[in-house]
Amino acid sequence: MKITEITRLQAYLQDKFENDSIKLMQRPNATDSVEMMIGDEFIGVAYRDEDEGELSYSLSICVLAEDLPLD
């Protein structure tokens, strides 16, 4: 993903989730995805998908069971 594309997607996510701490960072050896961070914490990966001329992005967020609040 190009820097301009990453910047636009990051601004969208910050606005949508009302959180300026969301940062997208390039991944070594990956051109179709970026890491999504909130502050210093890894949250997931944002993937770029281009199919039949249509461009979209998807988020894959991982939540560990140990990070969930107790009942």
N, C-alpha and C. Protein backbone atom coordinates (compact mmCIF):
# COMPACT_ATOMS: atom_id res chain seq x y z
N MET A 1 0.84 -1.17 0.00
CA MET A 1 0.00 0.00 0.00
C MET A 1 0.89 1.24 0.00
N LYS A 2 0.47 2.23 -0.76
CA LYS A 2 1.23 3.48 -0.83
C LYS A 2 0.95 4.34 0.40
N ILE A 3 1.89 5.20 0.72
CA ILE A 3 1.77 6.08 1.90
C ILE A 3 0.48 6.90 1.85
N THR A 4 0.14 7.44 0.68
CA THR A 4 -1.07 8.26 0.58
C THR A 4 -2.32 7.43 0.88
N GLU A 5 -2.33 6.19 0.44
CA GLU A 5 -3.44 5.29 0.69
C GLU A 5 -3.54 4.94 2.19
N ILE A 6 -2.41 4.68 2.80
CA ILE A 6 -2.36 4.37 4.23
C ILE A 6 -2.86 5.57 5.04
N THR A 7 -2.42 6.75 4.68
CA THR A 7 -2.82 7.97 5.38
C THR A 7 -4.32 8.20 5.29
N ARG A 8 -4.89 8.00 4.11
CA ARG A 8 -6.33 8.17 3.92
C ARG A 8 -7.12 7.15 4.74
N LEU A 9 -6.69 5.90 4.71
CA LEU A 9 -7.37 4.84 5.46
C LEU A 9 -7.25 5.09 6.97
N GLN A 10 -6.09 5.52 7.41
CA GLN A 10 -5.88 5.82 8.83
C GLN A 10 -6.81 6.95 9.27
N ALA A 11 -6.91 8.01 8.48
CA ALA A 11 -7.79 9.13 8.81
C ALA A 11 -9.25 8.67 8.88
N TYR A 12 -9.65 7.80 7.96
CA TYR A 12 -11.01 7.27 7.97
C TYR A 12 -11.29 6.49 9.25
N LEU A 13 -10.37 5.60 9.62
CA LEU A 13 -10.55 4.77 10.81
C LEU A 13 -10.55 5.62 12.09
N GLN A 14 -9.66 6.61 12.16
CA GLN A 14 -9.63 7.51 13.32
C GLN A 14 -10.96 8.24 13.46
N ASP A 15 -11.50 8.71 12.34
CA ASP A 15 -12.77 9.42 12.36
C ASP A 15 -13.92 8.48 12.71
N LYS A 16 -13.97 7.33 12.07
CA LYS A 16 -15.07 6.38 12.27
C LYS A 16 -15.12 5.86 13.71
N PHE A 17 -13.96 5.58 14.30
CA PHE A 17 -13.90 5.06 15.66
C PHE A 17 -13.67 6.16 16.70
N GLU A 18 -13.61 7.40 16.24
CA GLU A 18 -13.39 8.56 17.12
C GLU A 18 -12.19 8.33 18.03
N ASN A 19 -11.05 7.94 17.41
CA ASN A 19 -9.86 7.61 18.19
C ASN A 19 -8.62 7.99 17.38
N ASP A 20 -7.98 9.10 17.78
CA ASP A 20 -6.77 9.57 17.09
C ASP A 20 -5.54 8.72 17.41
N SER A 21 -5.68 7.75 18.32
CA SER A 21 -4.55 6.88 18.67
C SER A 21 -4.38 5.74 17.67
N ILE A 22 -5.33 5.58 16.74
CA ILE A 22 -5.23 4.52 15.73
C ILE A 22 -4.13 4.90 14.74
N LYS A 23 -3.19 4.00 14.55
CA LYS A 23 -2.10 4.21 13.61
C LYS A 23 -1.97 2.98 12.72
N LEU A 24 -1.71 3.22 11.44
CA LEU A 24 -1.45 2.13 10.50
C LEU A 24 0.03 2.16 10.15
N MET A 25 0.65 0.99 10.23
CA MET A 25 2.09 0.90 9.98
C MET A 25 2.37 -0.15 8.91
N GLN A 26 3.28 0.20 8.00
CA GLN A 26 3.64 -0.75 6.95
C GLN A 26 4.25 -2.00 7.57
N ARG A 27 4.00 -3.13 6.89
CA ARG A 27 4.53 -4.41 7.33
C ARG A 27 5.72 -4.78 6.45
N PRO A 28 6.78 -5.30 7.05
CA PRO A 28 7.91 -5.74 6.24
C PRO A 28 7.47 -6.87 5.30
N ASN A 29 7.88 -6.79 4.08
CA ASN A 29 7.61 -7.83 3.07
C ASN A 29 6.14 -8.00 2.70
N ALA A 30 5.28 -7.04 3.01
CA ALA A 30 3.87 -7.13 2.64
C ALA A 30 3.47 -5.84 1.94
N THR A 31 2.89 -5.97 0.76
CA THR A 31 2.47 -4.78 0.01
C THR A 31 0.96 -4.62 -0.02
N ASP A 32 0.22 -5.61 0.48
CA ASP A 32 -1.24 -5.58 0.41
C ASP A 32 -1.90 -5.38 1.76
N SER A 33 -1.11 -5.08 2.81
CA SER A 33 -1.69 -4.94 4.14
C SER A 33 -0.81 -4.07 5.03
N VAL A 34 -1.42 -3.56 6.11
CA VAL A 34 -0.72 -2.77 7.11
C VAL A 34 -1.16 -3.22 8.50
N GLU A 35 -0.30 -3.00 9.49
CA GLU A 35 -0.66 -3.32 10.87
C GLU A 35 -1.47 -2.17 11.45
N MET A 36 -2.48 -2.51 12.23
CA MET A 36 -3.29 -1.51 12.91
C MET A 36 -2.91 -1.52 14.38
N MET A 37 -2.55 -0.34 14.88
CA MET A 37 -2.14 -0.18 16.26
C MET A 37 -3.06 0.83 16.93
N ILE A 38 -3.29 0.65 18.22
CA ILE A 38 -3.91 1.69 19.04
C ILE A 38 -2.89 1.97 20.12
N GLY A 39 -2.29 3.14 20.04
CA GLY A 39 -1.15 3.44 20.91
C GLY A 39 -0.03 2.49 20.55
N ASP A 40 0.48 1.79 21.55
CA ASP A 40 1.56 0.82 21.33
C ASP A 40 1.06 -0.62 21.19
N GLU A 41 -0.27 -0.80 21.21
CA GLU A 41 -0.82 -2.16 21.19
C GLU A 41 -1.25 -2.58 19.78
N PHE A 42 -0.76 -3.73 19.36
CA PHE A 42 -1.16 -4.31 18.08
C PHE A 42 -2.62 -4.75 18.19
N ILE A 43 -3.45 -4.30 17.24
CA ILE A 43 -4.86 -4.64 17.25
C ILE A 43 -5.22 -5.62 16.15
N GLY A 44 -4.61 -5.45 14.98
CA GLY A 44 -4.94 -6.33 13.86
C GLY A 44 -4.27 -5.89 12.59
N VAL A 45 -4.81 -6.35 11.47
CA VAL A 45 -4.24 -6.07 10.16
C VAL A 45 -5.35 -5.54 9.24
N ALA A 46 -5.02 -4.52 8.48
CA ALA A 46 -5.93 -3.98 7.47
C ALA A 46 -5.41 -4.46 6.11
N TYR A 47 -6.28 -5.12 5.35
CA TYR A 47 -5.93 -5.68 4.06
C TYR A 47 -6.54 -4.86 2.92
N ARG A 48 -5.78 -4.71 1.85
CA ARG A 48 -6.26 -4.05 0.63
C ARG A 48 -6.70 -5.14 -0.33
N ASP A 49 -7.89 -4.97 -0.91
CA ASP A 49 -8.41 -5.97 -1.85
C ASP A 49 -8.92 -5.27 -3.09
N GLU A 50 -8.35 -5.61 -4.23
CA GLU A 50 -8.81 -5.07 -5.50
C GLU A 50 -9.29 -6.23 -6.36
N ASP A 51 -10.60 -6.19 -6.71
CA ASP A 51 -11.20 -7.28 -7.47
C ASP A 51 -12.11 -6.69 -8.53
N GLU A 52 -11.86 -7.02 -9.77
CA GLU A 52 -12.64 -6.55 -10.91
C GLU A 52 -12.80 -5.04 -10.92
N GLY A 53 -11.71 -4.34 -10.60
CA GLY A 53 -11.72 -2.89 -10.62
C GLY A 53 -12.29 -2.23 -9.37
N GLU A 54 -12.82 -3.02 -8.45
CA GLU A 54 -13.37 -2.49 -7.20
C GLU A 54 -12.30 -2.58 -6.11
N LEU A 55 -12.08 -1.48 -5.40
CA LEU A 55 -11.09 -1.44 -4.33
C LEU A 55 -11.80 -1.39 -2.98
N SER A 56 -11.38 -2.25 -2.05
CA SER A 56 -11.95 -2.24 -0.70
C SER A 56 -10.85 -2.61 0.29
N TYR A 57 -11.18 -2.41 1.56
CA TYR A 57 -10.25 -2.72 2.64
C TYR A 57 -11.00 -3.55 3.68
N SER A 58 -10.31 -4.49 4.29
CA SER A 58 -10.94 -5.27 5.35
C SER A 58 -10.01 -5.29 6.56
N LEU A 59 -10.61 -5.38 7.72
CA LEU A 59 -9.86 -5.43 8.97
C LEU A 59 -9.98 -6.82 9.58
N SER A 60 -8.87 -7.33 10.05
CA SER A 60 -8.85 -8.58 10.81
C SER A 60 -8.31 -8.22 12.18
N ILE A 61 -9.18 -8.33 13.19
CA ILE A 61 -8.81 -7.95 14.55
C ILE A 61 -8.79 -9.20 15.42
N CYS A 62 -7.72 -9.35 16.16
CA CYS A 62 -7.55 -10.51 17.02
C CYS A 62 -7.74 -10.10 18.48
N VAL A 63 -8.61 -10.81 19.18
CA VAL A 63 -8.82 -10.57 20.62
C VAL A 63 -8.51 -11.87 21.36
N LEU A 64 -7.54 -11.81 22.23
CA LEU A 64 -7.19 -12.98 23.02
C LEU A 64 -8.17 -13.13 24.17
N ALA A 65 -8.56 -14.34 24.47
CA ALA A 65 -9.49 -14.61 25.56
C ALA A 65 -8.96 -14.06 26.89
N GLU A 66 -7.66 -14.11 27.08
CA GLU A 66 -7.06 -13.63 28.33
C GLU A 66 -7.18 -12.12 28.49
N ASP A 67 -7.45 -11.40 27.39
CA ASP A 67 -7.60 -9.95 27.45
C ASP A 67 -9.03 -9.50 27.77
N LEU A 68 -9.97 -10.44 27.75
CA LEU A 68 -11.37 -10.10 28.02
C LEU A 68 -11.57 -9.87 29.51
N PRO A 69 -12.52 -8.98 29.86
CA PRO A 69 -12.79 -8.77 31.29
C PRO A 69 -13.38 -10.03 31.92
N LEU A 70 -13.18 -10.20 33.18
CA LEU A 70 -13.72 -11.34 33.91
C LEU A 70 -15.23 -11.19 34.07
N ASP A 71 -15.92 -12.32 34.15
CA ASP A 71 -17.37 -12.29 34.34
C ASP A 71 -17.76 -11.76 35.69
